[in-house]
Amino acid sequence: MSMLTPPGMGGQYRITGDKYPRMRRPRGRRRLVFLVVASLTALGLISWGTLQLIDVFTGGGDKATAVGAKTDCASKVSASSTASAAPAGPQDLPRPGQITVNVLNATPRSGLAKETADELKKRGFRIGDVGNATEAYDKKVEGSGILLGAESAVQAALPVLSTQLSDATVKTDGRAQADQVDLIIGDDFKALTKKEDADKALAVLAQPQPTPSTTQKSC
């Protein structure tokens, strides 16, 4: 008889094997923690949903949108009004009579410099030197011509002279005088721009340039 056999059992019931029942902790504490966490989560979701509903019914979002739209519209109207209230003045360009042009011939054809200088004089330009081009340009200008002047003449004398020979190339050098420029006649030169077209181009230069305005949307 085994020592584990209870007395009086007469050996009818025996405990055999090497496995014994294990003791488990009660599950009540885990369930309690789970219920607390779930309750807090649900309470938070309900509070957030309530705030959203209040915002919708009170129109808080619409007010913010309306205020933002008014501010944006006001800024656009202000920008447009400012642009239209400050018209641009005419460009400060010299008149032909204030520009001295040296007419230089870089082609093998003779007489071009004098003919061109005479025509420019009729159109109101002052004439300086008339003759052959320097070695740097002589027989080396393939287009109709080159307009050469100081860097400060790019926004002054050179645009005015370019109206008389619209397809000429504009270049700058290191000279100091902004009102004295060179017209170097090239191989493809045939004649100056027609006087009517040149006068129209001069008129466009003298006109004030429109200031771009901001597009205004309805508010």
N, C-alpha and C. Protein backbone atom coordinates (compact mmCIF):
# COMPACT_ATOMS: atom_id res chain seq x y z
N MET A 1 0.85 -1.19 0.00
CA MET A 1 0.00 0.00 0.00
C MET A 1 0.88 1.23 0.00
N SER A 2 0.45 2.16 -0.81
CA SER A 2 1.23 3.38 -0.91
C SER A 2 1.03 4.24 0.30
N MET A 3 2.07 5.05 0.57
CA MET A 3 1.99 5.96 1.70
C MET A 3 0.96 7.05 1.45
N LEU A 4 0.63 7.28 0.16
CA LEU A 4 -0.33 8.32 -0.17
C LEU A 4 -1.76 7.82 -0.11
N THR A 5 -1.93 6.51 0.14
CA THR A 5 -3.29 5.97 0.20
C THR A 5 -3.90 6.33 1.54
N PRO A 6 -5.04 6.97 1.53
CA PRO A 6 -5.66 7.38 2.78
C PRO A 6 -5.99 6.16 3.62
N PRO A 7 -5.90 6.29 4.89
CA PRO A 7 -6.21 5.17 5.76
C PRO A 7 -7.66 4.77 5.60
N GLY A 8 -7.91 3.49 5.68
CA GLY A 8 -9.27 2.96 5.59
C GLY A 8 -9.76 2.75 4.21
N MET A 9 -8.95 3.10 3.18
CA MET A 9 -9.39 2.95 1.81
C MET A 9 -9.15 1.54 1.34
N GLY A 10 -8.36 0.83 2.12
CA GLY A 10 -8.15 -0.58 1.79
C GLY A 10 -7.45 -0.78 0.48
N GLY A 11 -6.74 0.19 0.09
CA GLY A 11 -6.03 0.04 -1.17
C GLY A 11 -6.91 0.08 -2.38
N GLN A 12 -8.19 0.43 -2.19
CA GLN A 12 -9.08 0.49 -3.34
C GLN A 12 -8.79 1.68 -4.24
N TYR A 13 -8.41 2.77 -3.60
CA TYR A 13 -8.08 3.96 -4.38
C TYR A 13 -6.64 4.31 -4.16
N ARG A 14 -5.91 4.45 -5.23
CA ARG A 14 -4.50 4.80 -5.15
C ARG A 14 -4.22 6.02 -6.01
N ILE A 15 -3.28 6.81 -5.56
CA ILE A 15 -2.82 7.96 -6.34
C ILE A 15 -1.56 7.57 -7.05
N THR A 16 -1.59 7.55 -8.33
CA THR A 16 -0.44 7.13 -9.13
C THR A 16 -0.02 8.26 -10.04
N GLY A 17 1.14 8.12 -10.64
CA GLY A 17 1.65 9.13 -11.59
C GLY A 17 2.49 10.17 -10.89
N ASP A 18 3.17 11.02 -11.76
CA ASP A 18 4.05 12.05 -11.23
C ASP A 18 3.55 13.46 -11.51
N LYS A 19 2.27 13.66 -11.95
CA LYS A 19 1.70 14.97 -12.23
C LYS A 19 0.72 15.35 -11.15
N TYR A 20 0.80 16.65 -10.77
CA TYR A 20 -0.05 17.12 -9.69
C TYR A 20 -0.78 18.36 -10.19
N PRO A 21 -1.93 18.60 -9.75
CA PRO A 21 -2.68 19.80 -10.18
C PRO A 21 -1.96 21.07 -9.75
N ARG A 22 -1.92 22.08 -10.69
CA ARG A 22 -1.27 23.34 -10.42
C ARG A 22 -2.28 24.37 -9.94
N MET A 23 -1.80 25.21 -9.08
CA MET A 23 -2.68 26.23 -8.51
C MET A 23 -2.62 27.48 -9.42
N ARG A 24 -3.74 28.03 -9.84
CA ARG A 24 -3.82 29.21 -10.69
C ARG A 24 -4.35 30.39 -9.90
N ARG A 25 -3.82 31.59 -10.27
CA ARG A 25 -4.31 32.80 -9.63
C ARG A 25 -5.73 33.10 -10.08
N PRO A 26 -6.47 33.68 -9.31
CA PRO A 26 -7.86 34.02 -9.70
C PRO A 26 -7.87 35.06 -10.82
N ARG A 27 -8.81 34.88 -11.73
CA ARG A 27 -8.90 35.78 -12.89
C ARG A 27 -9.69 37.05 -12.61
N GLY A 28 -10.22 37.20 -11.47
CA GLY A 28 -11.07 38.36 -11.17
C GLY A 28 -10.33 39.67 -11.25
N ARG A 29 -9.04 39.72 -10.85
CA ARG A 29 -8.28 40.97 -10.88
C ARG A 29 -8.02 41.43 -12.30
N ARG A 30 -7.69 40.51 -13.22
CA ARG A 30 -7.47 40.89 -14.63
C ARG A 30 -8.73 41.47 -15.24
N ARG A 31 -9.83 40.83 -14.97
CA ARG A 31 -11.09 41.34 -15.53
C ARG A 31 -11.39 42.75 -15.00
N LEU A 32 -11.10 42.97 -13.74
CA LEU A 32 -11.36 44.28 -13.17
C LEU A 32 -10.52 45.37 -13.84
N VAL A 33 -9.22 45.08 -14.09
CA VAL A 33 -8.35 46.06 -14.76
C VAL A 33 -8.84 46.33 -16.17
N PHE A 34 -9.23 45.26 -16.87
CA PHE A 34 -9.71 45.42 -18.25
C PHE A 34 -10.97 46.30 -18.30
N LEU A 35 -11.89 46.06 -17.36
CA LEU A 35 -13.12 46.85 -17.35
C LEU A 35 -12.84 48.33 -17.05
N VAL A 36 -11.89 48.61 -16.17
CA VAL A 36 -11.56 50.00 -15.86
C VAL A 36 -10.99 50.72 -17.08
N VAL A 37 -10.03 50.05 -17.80
CA VAL A 37 -9.43 50.65 -18.99
C VAL A 37 -10.47 50.90 -20.07
N ALA A 38 -11.34 49.90 -20.28
CA ALA A 38 -12.38 50.04 -21.30
C ALA A 38 -13.33 51.18 -20.97
N SER A 39 -13.66 51.33 -19.70
CA SER A 39 -14.57 52.40 -19.29
C SER A 39 -13.96 53.78 -19.53
N LEU A 40 -12.66 53.92 -19.19
CA LEU A 40 -11.99 55.21 -19.41
C LEU A 40 -11.91 55.55 -20.89
N THR A 41 -11.62 54.55 -21.75
CA THR A 41 -11.56 54.79 -23.20
C THR A 41 -12.90 55.23 -23.75
N ALA A 42 -13.96 54.52 -23.32
CA ALA A 42 -15.30 54.87 -23.79
C ALA A 42 -15.68 56.27 -23.35
N LEU A 43 -15.33 56.63 -22.10
CA LEU A 43 -15.64 57.97 -21.60
C LEU A 43 -14.93 59.05 -22.40
N GLY A 44 -13.66 58.78 -22.76
CA GLY A 44 -12.92 59.75 -23.57
C GLY A 44 -13.54 59.94 -24.95
N LEU A 45 -13.94 58.84 -25.58
CA LEU A 45 -14.56 58.93 -26.91
C LEU A 45 -15.88 59.69 -26.86
N ILE A 46 -16.66 59.44 -25.81
CA ILE A 46 -17.93 60.14 -25.68
C ILE A 46 -17.72 61.64 -25.50
N SER A 47 -16.72 62.02 -24.71
CA SER A 47 -16.43 63.44 -24.48
C SER A 47 -16.00 64.12 -25.77
N TRP A 48 -15.12 63.47 -26.53
CA TRP A 48 -14.65 64.05 -27.81
C TRP A 48 -15.80 64.22 -28.79
N GLY A 49 -16.66 63.19 -28.87
CA GLY A 49 -17.81 63.28 -29.77
C GLY A 49 -18.75 64.39 -29.38
N THR A 50 -18.93 64.59 -28.07
CA THR A 50 -19.81 65.67 -27.61
C THR A 50 -19.27 67.04 -28.02
N LEU A 51 -17.96 67.22 -27.88
CA LEU A 51 -17.35 68.49 -28.29
C LEU A 51 -17.53 68.74 -29.77
N GLN A 52 -17.37 67.69 -30.60
CA GLN A 52 -17.55 67.85 -32.04
C GLN A 52 -18.98 68.25 -32.38
N LEU A 53 -19.95 67.63 -31.71
CA LEU A 53 -21.35 67.97 -31.97
C LEU A 53 -21.65 69.42 -31.57
N ILE A 54 -21.07 69.85 -30.45
CA ILE A 54 -21.28 71.24 -30.02
C ILE A 54 -20.71 72.21 -31.05
N ASP A 55 -19.53 71.87 -31.59
CA ASP A 55 -18.90 72.73 -32.59
C ASP A 55 -19.76 72.83 -33.84
N VAL A 56 -20.35 71.70 -34.24
CA VAL A 56 -21.16 71.70 -35.47
C VAL A 56 -22.41 72.54 -35.29
N PHE A 57 -23.12 72.33 -34.16
CA PHE A 57 -24.40 73.01 -33.97
C PHE A 57 -24.25 74.48 -33.62
N THR A 58 -23.14 74.85 -33.03
CA THR A 58 -22.94 76.27 -32.70
C THR A 58 -22.30 77.04 -33.84
N GLY A 59 -21.80 76.34 -34.91
CA GLY A 59 -21.21 77.03 -36.06
C GLY A 59 -19.85 77.58 -35.80
N GLY A 60 -19.08 77.02 -34.86
CA GLY A 60 -17.73 77.52 -34.56
C GLY A 60 -16.81 77.40 -35.74
N GLY A 61 -16.88 76.25 -36.48
CA GLY A 61 -16.01 76.06 -37.65
C GLY A 61 -16.33 77.03 -38.75
N ASP A 62 -17.65 77.29 -38.95
CA ASP A 62 -18.04 78.22 -40.00
C ASP A 62 -17.54 79.62 -39.72
N LYS A 63 -17.58 80.02 -38.42
CA LYS A 63 -17.11 81.36 -38.08
C LYS A 63 -15.63 81.52 -38.38
N ALA A 64 -14.85 80.47 -38.04
CA ALA A 64 -13.41 80.55 -38.30
C ALA A 64 -13.14 80.64 -39.78
N THR A 65 -13.91 79.84 -40.57
CA THR A 65 -13.72 79.87 -42.02
C THR A 65 -14.10 81.23 -42.58
N ALA A 66 -15.22 81.79 -42.06
CA ALA A 66 -15.67 83.08 -42.57
C ALA A 66 -14.66 84.17 -42.25
N VAL A 67 -14.09 84.13 -41.04
CA VAL A 67 -13.10 85.14 -40.67
C VAL A 67 -11.87 85.02 -41.55
N GLY A 68 -11.41 83.78 -41.79
CA GLY A 68 -10.24 83.59 -42.65
C GLY A 68 -10.50 84.07 -44.06
N ALA A 69 -11.72 83.79 -44.58
CA ALA A 69 -12.05 84.22 -45.94
C ALA A 69 -12.08 85.73 -46.05
N LYS A 70 -12.65 86.40 -45.01
CA LYS A 70 -12.71 87.85 -45.05
C LYS A 70 -11.32 88.46 -45.02
N THR A 71 -10.44 87.89 -44.19
CA THR A 71 -9.08 88.42 -44.10
C THR A 71 -8.36 88.27 -45.42
N ASP A 72 -8.51 87.08 -46.04
CA ASP A 72 -7.82 86.84 -47.31
C ASP A 72 -8.36 87.74 -48.39
N CYS A 73 -9.67 87.91 -48.43
CA CYS A 73 -10.28 88.78 -49.43
C CYS A 73 -9.84 90.22 -49.24
N ALA A 74 -9.78 90.66 -47.98
CA ALA A 74 -9.36 92.03 -47.71
C ALA A 74 -7.94 92.27 -48.16
N SER A 75 -7.06 91.27 -47.97
CA SER A 75 -5.68 91.45 -48.40
C SER A 75 -5.58 91.54 -49.91
N LYS A 76 -6.41 90.76 -50.62
CA LYS A 76 -6.38 90.80 -52.08
C LYS A 76 -6.89 92.14 -52.59
N VAL A 77 -7.97 92.63 -51.98
CA VAL A 77 -8.51 93.92 -52.40
C VAL A 77 -7.50 95.02 -52.15
N SER A 78 -6.81 94.96 -51.01
CA SER A 78 -5.82 95.98 -50.67
C SER A 78 -4.67 95.96 -51.67
N ALA A 79 -4.19 94.75 -52.04
CA ALA A 79 -3.09 94.65 -53.00
C ALA A 79 -3.50 95.19 -54.36
N SER A 80 -4.75 94.86 -54.77
CA SER A 80 -5.21 95.33 -56.07
C SER A 80 -5.37 96.84 -56.08
N SER A 81 -5.91 97.40 -54.98
CA SER A 81 -6.10 98.84 -54.91
C SER A 81 -4.77 99.57 -54.92
N THR A 82 -3.78 99.01 -54.22
CA THR A 82 -2.47 99.64 -54.19
C THR A 82 -1.83 99.65 -55.56
N ALA A 83 -1.97 98.52 -56.30
CA ALA A 83 -1.36 98.44 -57.62
C ALA A 83 -1.98 99.43 -58.58
N SER A 84 -3.33 99.55 -58.52
CA SER A 84 -4.00 100.46 -59.45
C SER A 84 -3.81 101.92 -59.05
N ALA A 85 -3.52 102.17 -57.78
CA ALA A 85 -3.38 103.55 -57.33
C ALA A 85 -2.00 104.13 -57.59
N ALA A 86 -1.07 103.27 -58.04
CA ALA A 86 0.29 103.74 -58.29
C ALA A 86 0.66 103.51 -59.75
N PRO A 87 0.18 104.32 -60.67
CA PRO A 87 0.50 104.13 -62.08
C PRO A 87 1.97 104.38 -62.35
N ALA A 88 2.51 103.59 -63.27
CA ALA A 88 3.93 103.73 -63.62
C ALA A 88 4.12 104.93 -64.53
N GLY A 89 5.19 105.67 -64.33
CA GLY A 89 5.49 106.81 -65.16
C GLY A 89 6.24 106.40 -66.40
N PRO A 90 6.41 107.30 -67.35
CA PRO A 90 7.14 106.97 -68.57
C PRO A 90 8.60 106.67 -68.28
N GLN A 91 9.19 105.81 -69.10
CA GLN A 91 10.60 105.48 -68.91
C GLN A 91 11.46 106.72 -69.17
N ASP A 92 12.47 106.86 -68.34
CA ASP A 92 13.35 108.02 -68.43
C ASP A 92 14.41 107.75 -69.49
N LEU A 93 14.03 107.85 -70.74
CA LEU A 93 14.94 107.59 -71.85
C LEU A 93 15.35 108.90 -72.51
N PRO A 94 16.57 108.96 -73.02
CA PRO A 94 17.01 110.18 -73.70
C PRO A 94 16.32 110.32 -75.07
N ARG A 95 16.20 111.53 -75.51
CA ARG A 95 15.67 111.77 -76.85
C ARG A 95 16.80 111.57 -77.89
N PRO A 96 16.45 111.31 -79.14
CA PRO A 96 17.48 111.14 -80.17
C PRO A 96 18.49 112.28 -80.20
N GLY A 97 18.04 113.52 -79.99
CA GLY A 97 18.94 114.67 -80.02
C GLY A 97 19.94 114.69 -78.87
N GLN A 98 19.74 113.83 -77.87
CA GLN A 98 20.66 113.76 -76.74
C GLN A 98 21.67 112.61 -76.89
N ILE A 99 21.62 111.92 -78.00
CA ILE A 99 22.48 110.75 -78.21
C ILE A 99 23.43 111.04 -79.38
N THR A 100 24.71 110.80 -79.16
CA THR A 100 25.71 110.94 -80.21
C THR A 100 26.04 109.55 -80.75
N VAL A 101 25.92 109.39 -82.07
CA VAL A 101 26.14 108.09 -82.70
C VAL A 101 27.38 108.14 -83.58
N ASN A 102 28.31 107.24 -83.31
CA ASN A 102 29.46 107.04 -84.21
C ASN A 102 29.08 105.94 -85.21
N VAL A 103 29.08 106.27 -86.48
CA VAL A 103 28.68 105.31 -87.51
C VAL A 103 29.94 104.75 -88.16
N LEU A 104 30.15 103.45 -88.01
CA LEU A 104 31.37 102.80 -88.48
C LEU A 104 31.02 101.65 -89.42
N ASN A 105 31.75 101.58 -90.52
CA ASN A 105 31.48 100.58 -91.55
C ASN A 105 32.47 99.41 -91.40
N ALA A 106 31.91 98.19 -91.18
CA ALA A 106 32.75 97.00 -91.05
C ALA A 106 32.67 96.12 -92.28
N THR A 107 32.10 96.64 -93.38
CA THR A 107 31.95 95.84 -94.60
C THR A 107 32.91 96.36 -95.68
N PRO A 108 33.11 95.56 -96.77
CA PRO A 108 33.94 96.04 -97.88
C PRO A 108 33.26 97.10 -98.73
N ARG A 109 31.94 97.29 -98.55
CA ARG A 109 31.21 98.26 -99.36
C ARG A 109 31.51 99.69 -98.88
N SER A 110 31.82 100.53 -99.76
CA SER A 110 32.17 101.91 -99.41
C SER A 110 30.93 102.80 -99.42
N GLY A 111 30.97 103.85 -98.62
CA GLY A 111 29.89 104.83 -98.60
C GLY A 111 28.75 104.52 -97.63
N LEU A 112 28.73 103.31 -97.03
CA LEU A 112 27.61 102.96 -96.15
C LEU A 112 27.58 103.79 -94.89
N ALA A 113 28.74 104.08 -94.35
CA ALA A 113 28.79 104.83 -93.10
C ALA A 113 28.22 106.23 -93.27
N LYS A 114 28.62 106.91 -94.36
CA LYS A 114 28.14 108.28 -94.58
C LYS A 114 26.64 108.30 -94.86
N GLU A 115 26.15 107.37 -95.70
CA GLU A 115 24.72 107.33 -96.01
C GLU A 115 23.89 107.09 -94.75
N THR A 116 24.35 106.17 -93.94
CA THR A 116 23.62 105.84 -92.72
C THR A 116 23.66 107.01 -91.73
N ALA A 117 24.81 107.66 -91.64
CA ALA A 117 24.93 108.80 -90.73
C ALA A 117 24.02 109.94 -91.16
N ASP A 118 23.93 110.18 -92.45
CA ASP A 118 23.06 111.24 -92.95
C ASP A 118 21.59 110.96 -92.60
N GLU A 119 21.20 109.69 -92.74
CA GLU A 119 19.80 109.34 -92.44
C GLU A 119 19.51 109.47 -90.94
N LEU A 120 20.45 109.06 -90.12
CA LEU A 120 20.27 109.19 -88.68
C LEU A 120 20.19 110.66 -88.26
N LYS A 121 20.95 111.50 -88.93
CA LYS A 121 20.90 112.94 -88.63
C LYS A 121 19.53 113.51 -88.97
N LYS A 122 18.94 113.05 -90.09
CA LYS A 122 17.60 113.50 -90.46
C LYS A 122 16.57 113.09 -89.40
N ARG A 123 16.83 111.98 -88.74
CA ARG A 123 15.89 111.47 -87.74
C ARG A 123 16.14 112.05 -86.34
N GLY A 124 17.05 113.02 -86.27
CA GLY A 124 17.21 113.75 -85.03
C GLY A 124 18.40 113.35 -84.16
N PHE A 125 19.20 112.37 -84.59
CA PHE A 125 20.35 111.95 -83.80
C PHE A 125 21.55 112.87 -84.06
N ARG A 126 22.38 113.03 -83.07
CA ARG A 126 23.66 113.73 -83.26
C ARG A 126 24.68 112.74 -83.81
N ILE A 127 25.50 113.18 -84.70
CA ILE A 127 26.47 112.30 -85.35
C ILE A 127 27.87 112.64 -84.87
N GLY A 128 28.62 111.57 -84.51
CA GLY A 128 30.00 111.73 -84.08
C GLY A 128 30.95 111.33 -85.19
N ASP A 129 31.77 110.33 -84.96
CA ASP A 129 32.73 109.86 -85.96
C ASP A 129 32.03 109.05 -87.04
N VAL A 130 32.48 109.23 -88.28
CA VAL A 130 31.96 108.46 -89.42
C VAL A 130 33.16 107.92 -90.17
N GLY A 131 33.18 106.59 -90.38
CA GLY A 131 34.32 106.00 -91.08
C GLY A 131 34.31 104.49 -90.97
N ASN A 132 35.50 103.90 -91.09
CA ASN A 132 35.63 102.45 -91.05
C ASN A 132 35.68 101.95 -89.60
N ALA A 133 35.26 100.72 -89.41
CA ALA A 133 35.28 100.12 -88.08
C ALA A 133 36.71 99.81 -87.65
N THR A 134 36.91 99.67 -86.37
CA THR A 134 38.23 99.32 -85.84
C THR A 134 38.60 97.89 -86.23
N GLU A 135 39.84 97.52 -86.02
CA GLU A 135 40.32 96.20 -86.41
C GLU A 135 39.57 95.08 -85.69
N ALA A 136 39.11 95.35 -84.49
CA ALA A 136 38.40 94.33 -83.73
C ALA A 136 37.09 93.92 -84.39
N TYR A 137 36.50 94.82 -85.24
CA TYR A 137 35.22 94.54 -85.87
C TYR A 137 35.28 94.55 -87.40
N ASP A 138 36.31 95.11 -87.98
CA ASP A 138 36.37 95.25 -89.43
C ASP A 138 36.31 93.88 -90.12
N LYS A 139 35.34 93.72 -91.02
CA LYS A 139 35.10 92.48 -91.77
C LYS A 139 34.75 91.30 -90.85
N LYS A 140 34.26 91.58 -89.65
CA LYS A 140 33.96 90.51 -88.69
C LYS A 140 32.53 90.57 -88.15
N VAL A 141 31.71 91.42 -88.73
CA VAL A 141 30.32 91.54 -88.27
C VAL A 141 29.42 90.90 -89.32
N GLU A 142 28.86 89.72 -88.97
CA GLU A 142 28.09 88.96 -89.96
C GLU A 142 26.64 89.42 -90.07
N GLY A 143 26.07 89.94 -89.00
CA GLY A 143 24.67 90.37 -89.05
C GLY A 143 24.51 91.73 -89.67
N SER A 144 23.37 92.35 -89.41
CA SER A 144 23.11 93.67 -89.98
C SER A 144 23.93 94.76 -89.28
N GLY A 145 24.30 94.52 -88.03
CA GLY A 145 25.10 95.52 -87.34
C GLY A 145 25.19 95.26 -85.85
N ILE A 146 26.01 96.04 -85.20
CA ILE A 146 26.20 95.97 -83.75
C ILE A 146 26.01 97.37 -83.18
N LEU A 147 25.24 97.44 -82.09
CA LEU A 147 25.10 98.68 -81.34
C LEU A 147 25.95 98.54 -80.08
N LEU A 148 26.95 99.40 -79.96
CA LEU A 148 27.95 99.27 -78.90
C LEU A 148 27.94 100.50 -78.01
N GLY A 149 27.90 100.29 -76.70
CA GLY A 149 27.90 101.42 -75.77
C GLY A 149 28.28 100.99 -74.37
N ALA A 150 28.24 101.93 -73.44
CA ALA A 150 28.55 101.65 -72.05
C ALA A 150 27.46 100.81 -71.42
N GLU A 151 27.78 100.17 -70.29
CA GLU A 151 26.78 99.36 -69.60
C GLU A 151 25.61 100.23 -69.14
N SER A 152 25.89 101.46 -68.77
CA SER A 152 24.83 102.36 -68.34
C SER A 152 23.91 102.77 -69.49
N ALA A 153 24.32 102.51 -70.74
CA ALA A 153 23.50 102.86 -71.89
C ALA A 153 22.50 101.78 -72.25
N VAL A 154 22.58 100.62 -71.58
CA VAL A 154 21.68 99.52 -71.91
C VAL A 154 20.22 99.89 -71.64
N GLN A 155 19.99 100.70 -70.60
CA GLN A 155 18.64 101.14 -70.29
C GLN A 155 18.40 102.60 -70.70
N ALA A 156 19.23 103.10 -71.61
CA ALA A 156 19.10 104.51 -71.99
C ALA A 156 19.29 104.69 -73.51
N ALA A 157 20.50 105.01 -73.94
CA ALA A 157 20.73 105.34 -75.35
C ALA A 157 20.58 104.14 -76.28
N LEU A 158 21.03 102.97 -75.86
CA LEU A 158 21.01 101.81 -76.76
C LEU A 158 19.59 101.39 -77.16
N PRO A 159 18.62 101.34 -76.25
CA PRO A 159 17.26 101.01 -76.70
C PRO A 159 16.70 102.01 -77.70
N VAL A 160 17.03 103.30 -77.51
CA VAL A 160 16.54 104.32 -78.44
C VAL A 160 17.16 104.11 -79.82
N LEU A 161 18.46 103.85 -79.86
CA LEU A 161 19.11 103.64 -81.16
C LEU A 161 18.66 102.34 -81.81
N SER A 162 18.31 101.34 -81.00
CA SER A 162 17.89 100.05 -81.58
C SER A 162 16.57 100.16 -82.34
N THR A 163 15.80 101.20 -82.10
CA THR A 163 14.58 101.39 -82.88
C THR A 163 14.89 101.71 -84.33
N GLN A 164 16.10 102.16 -84.61
CA GLN A 164 16.48 102.53 -85.97
C GLN A 164 17.09 101.34 -86.74
N LEU A 165 17.52 100.32 -85.99
CA LEU A 165 18.06 99.11 -86.62
C LEU A 165 17.67 97.94 -85.70
N SER A 166 16.44 97.48 -85.87
CA SER A 166 15.82 96.58 -84.90
C SER A 166 16.49 95.22 -84.78
N ASP A 167 17.14 94.76 -85.85
CA ASP A 167 17.74 93.42 -85.80
C ASP A 167 19.24 93.46 -85.48
N ALA A 168 19.73 94.59 -85.00
CA ALA A 168 21.15 94.70 -84.64
C ALA A 168 21.40 94.04 -83.29
N THR A 169 22.65 93.63 -83.09
CA THR A 169 23.08 93.04 -81.83
C THR A 169 23.56 94.14 -80.89
N VAL A 170 23.13 94.07 -79.63
CA VAL A 170 23.51 95.08 -78.64
C VAL A 170 24.65 94.53 -77.78
N LYS A 171 25.72 95.30 -77.68
CA LYS A 171 26.86 94.91 -76.85
C LYS A 171 27.31 96.11 -76.02
N THR A 172 28.10 95.81 -74.99
CA THR A 172 28.63 96.87 -74.14
C THR A 172 30.15 96.79 -74.06
N ASP A 173 30.75 97.92 -73.72
CA ASP A 173 32.20 97.96 -73.52
C ASP A 173 32.50 98.81 -72.27
N GLY A 174 33.73 99.16 -72.08
CA GLY A 174 34.11 99.85 -70.86
C GLY A 174 34.12 101.36 -70.94
N ARG A 175 33.51 101.94 -71.92
CA ARG A 175 33.50 103.40 -72.03
C ARG A 175 32.69 104.02 -70.89
N ALA A 176 32.98 105.28 -70.63
CA ALA A 176 32.31 105.97 -69.53
C ALA A 176 31.08 106.75 -69.99
N GLN A 177 31.10 107.25 -71.22
CA GLN A 177 30.01 108.10 -71.70
C GLN A 177 28.80 107.25 -72.07
N ALA A 178 27.68 107.49 -71.39
CA ALA A 178 26.47 106.72 -71.66
C ALA A 178 25.69 107.28 -72.84
N ASP A 179 25.96 108.56 -73.21
CA ASP A 179 25.20 109.18 -74.29
C ASP A 179 25.91 109.10 -75.63
N GLN A 180 27.03 108.39 -75.71
CA GLN A 180 27.74 108.23 -76.98
C GLN A 180 27.86 106.73 -77.29
N VAL A 181 27.30 106.33 -78.41
CA VAL A 181 27.26 104.91 -78.77
C VAL A 181 27.74 104.74 -80.21
N ASP A 182 28.07 103.50 -80.56
CA ASP A 182 28.54 103.18 -81.92
C ASP A 182 27.50 102.35 -82.65
N LEU A 183 27.32 102.65 -83.90
CA LEU A 183 26.55 101.79 -84.80
C LEU A 183 27.55 101.23 -85.81
N ILE A 184 27.87 99.93 -85.66
CA ILE A 184 28.84 99.29 -86.55
C ILE A 184 28.06 98.50 -87.60
N ILE A 185 28.21 98.87 -88.85
CA ILE A 185 27.45 98.27 -89.94
C ILE A 185 28.05 96.91 -90.29
N GLY A 186 27.19 95.87 -90.37
CA GLY A 186 27.63 94.51 -90.66
C GLY A 186 27.36 94.10 -92.10
N ASP A 187 27.78 92.86 -92.42
CA ASP A 187 27.69 92.36 -93.80
C ASP A 187 26.26 92.27 -94.32
N ASP A 188 25.28 92.00 -93.44
CA ASP A 188 23.89 91.82 -93.87
C ASP A 188 23.09 93.12 -93.87
N PHE A 189 23.75 94.22 -93.64
CA PHE A 189 23.04 95.50 -93.58
C PHE A 189 22.54 95.90 -94.96
N LYS A 190 21.27 96.30 -95.00
CA LYS A 190 20.69 96.81 -96.25
C LYS A 190 20.22 98.25 -96.07
N ALA A 191 19.55 98.52 -94.98
CA ALA A 191 19.08 99.89 -94.71
C ALA A 191 18.60 99.96 -93.27
N LEU A 192 18.43 101.17 -92.79
CA LEU A 192 17.86 101.35 -91.46
C LEU A 192 16.39 100.96 -91.46
N THR A 193 15.84 100.74 -90.29
CA THR A 193 14.42 100.47 -90.17
C THR A 193 13.63 101.65 -90.76
N LYS A 194 12.52 101.35 -91.43
CA LYS A 194 11.72 102.43 -92.01
C LYS A 194 11.36 103.45 -90.94
N LYS A 195 11.39 104.71 -91.34
CA LYS A 195 11.17 105.78 -90.37
C LYS A 195 9.82 105.65 -89.67
N GLU A 196 8.78 105.25 -90.41
CA GLU A 196 7.46 105.11 -89.78
C GLU A 196 7.49 104.06 -88.66
N ASP A 197 8.13 102.92 -88.96
CA ASP A 197 8.23 101.86 -87.95
C ASP A 197 9.12 102.28 -86.77
N ALA A 198 10.20 103.00 -87.09
CA ALA A 198 11.09 103.47 -86.03
C ALA A 198 10.38 104.46 -85.11
N ASP A 199 9.58 105.34 -85.69
CA ASP A 199 8.84 106.31 -84.88
C ASP A 199 7.83 105.61 -83.97
N LYS A 200 7.18 104.58 -84.48
CA LYS A 200 6.23 103.82 -83.66
C LYS A 200 6.96 103.14 -82.49
N ALA A 201 8.13 102.58 -82.78
CA ALA A 201 8.90 101.92 -81.73
C ALA A 201 9.35 102.93 -80.67
N LEU A 202 9.72 104.14 -81.09
CA LEU A 202 10.09 105.18 -80.13
C LEU A 202 8.91 105.58 -79.27
N ALA A 203 7.73 105.66 -79.86
CA ALA A 203 6.53 106.02 -79.11
C ALA A 203 6.20 104.96 -78.05
N VAL A 204 6.40 103.71 -78.40
CA VAL A 204 6.15 102.63 -77.43
C VAL A 204 7.12 102.73 -76.26
N LEU A 205 8.38 103.05 -76.55
CA LEU A 205 9.36 103.19 -75.47
C LEU A 205 8.99 104.32 -74.52
N ALA A 206 8.43 105.38 -75.05
CA ALA A 206 8.11 106.55 -74.23
C ALA A 206 6.84 106.38 -73.42
N GLN A 207 6.00 105.40 -73.78
CA GLN A 207 4.73 105.21 -73.08
C GLN A 207 4.96 104.57 -71.73
N PRO A 208 4.13 104.93 -70.73
CA PRO A 208 4.24 104.27 -69.42
C PRO A 208 3.86 102.81 -69.52
N GLN A 209 4.58 101.97 -68.79
CA GLN A 209 4.29 100.55 -68.80
C GLN A 209 3.21 100.24 -67.77
N PRO A 210 2.17 99.49 -68.15
CA PRO A 210 1.11 99.16 -67.18
C PRO A 210 1.63 98.28 -66.06
N THR A 211 1.18 98.58 -64.84
CA THR A 211 1.58 97.78 -63.69
C THR A 211 0.64 96.60 -63.54
N PRO A 212 1.18 95.37 -63.45
CA PRO A 212 0.29 94.20 -63.30
C PRO A 212 -0.47 94.30 -61.99
N SER A 213 -1.81 94.06 -62.06
CA SER A 213 -2.65 94.15 -60.87
C SER A 213 -2.99 92.76 -60.37
N THR A 214 -3.23 92.66 -59.07
CA THR A 214 -3.60 91.39 -58.46
C THR A 214 -5.03 91.05 -58.83
N THR A 215 -5.28 89.80 -59.20
CA THR A 215 -6.63 89.37 -59.55
C THR A 215 -7.52 89.43 -58.31
N GLN A 216 -8.64 90.13 -58.43
CA GLN A 216 -9.53 90.31 -57.29
C GLN A 216 -10.70 89.37 -57.43
N LYS A 217 -10.93 88.55 -56.42
CA LYS A 217 -12.06 87.63 -56.40
C LYS A 217 -13.20 88.24 -55.59
N SER A 218 -14.42 87.85 -55.97
CA SER A 218 -15.58 88.35 -55.23
C SER A 218 -15.62 87.77 -53.83
N CYS A 219 -16.00 88.59 -52.86
CA CYS A 219 -16.03 88.14 -51.46
C CYS A 219 -17.46 87.79 -51.06
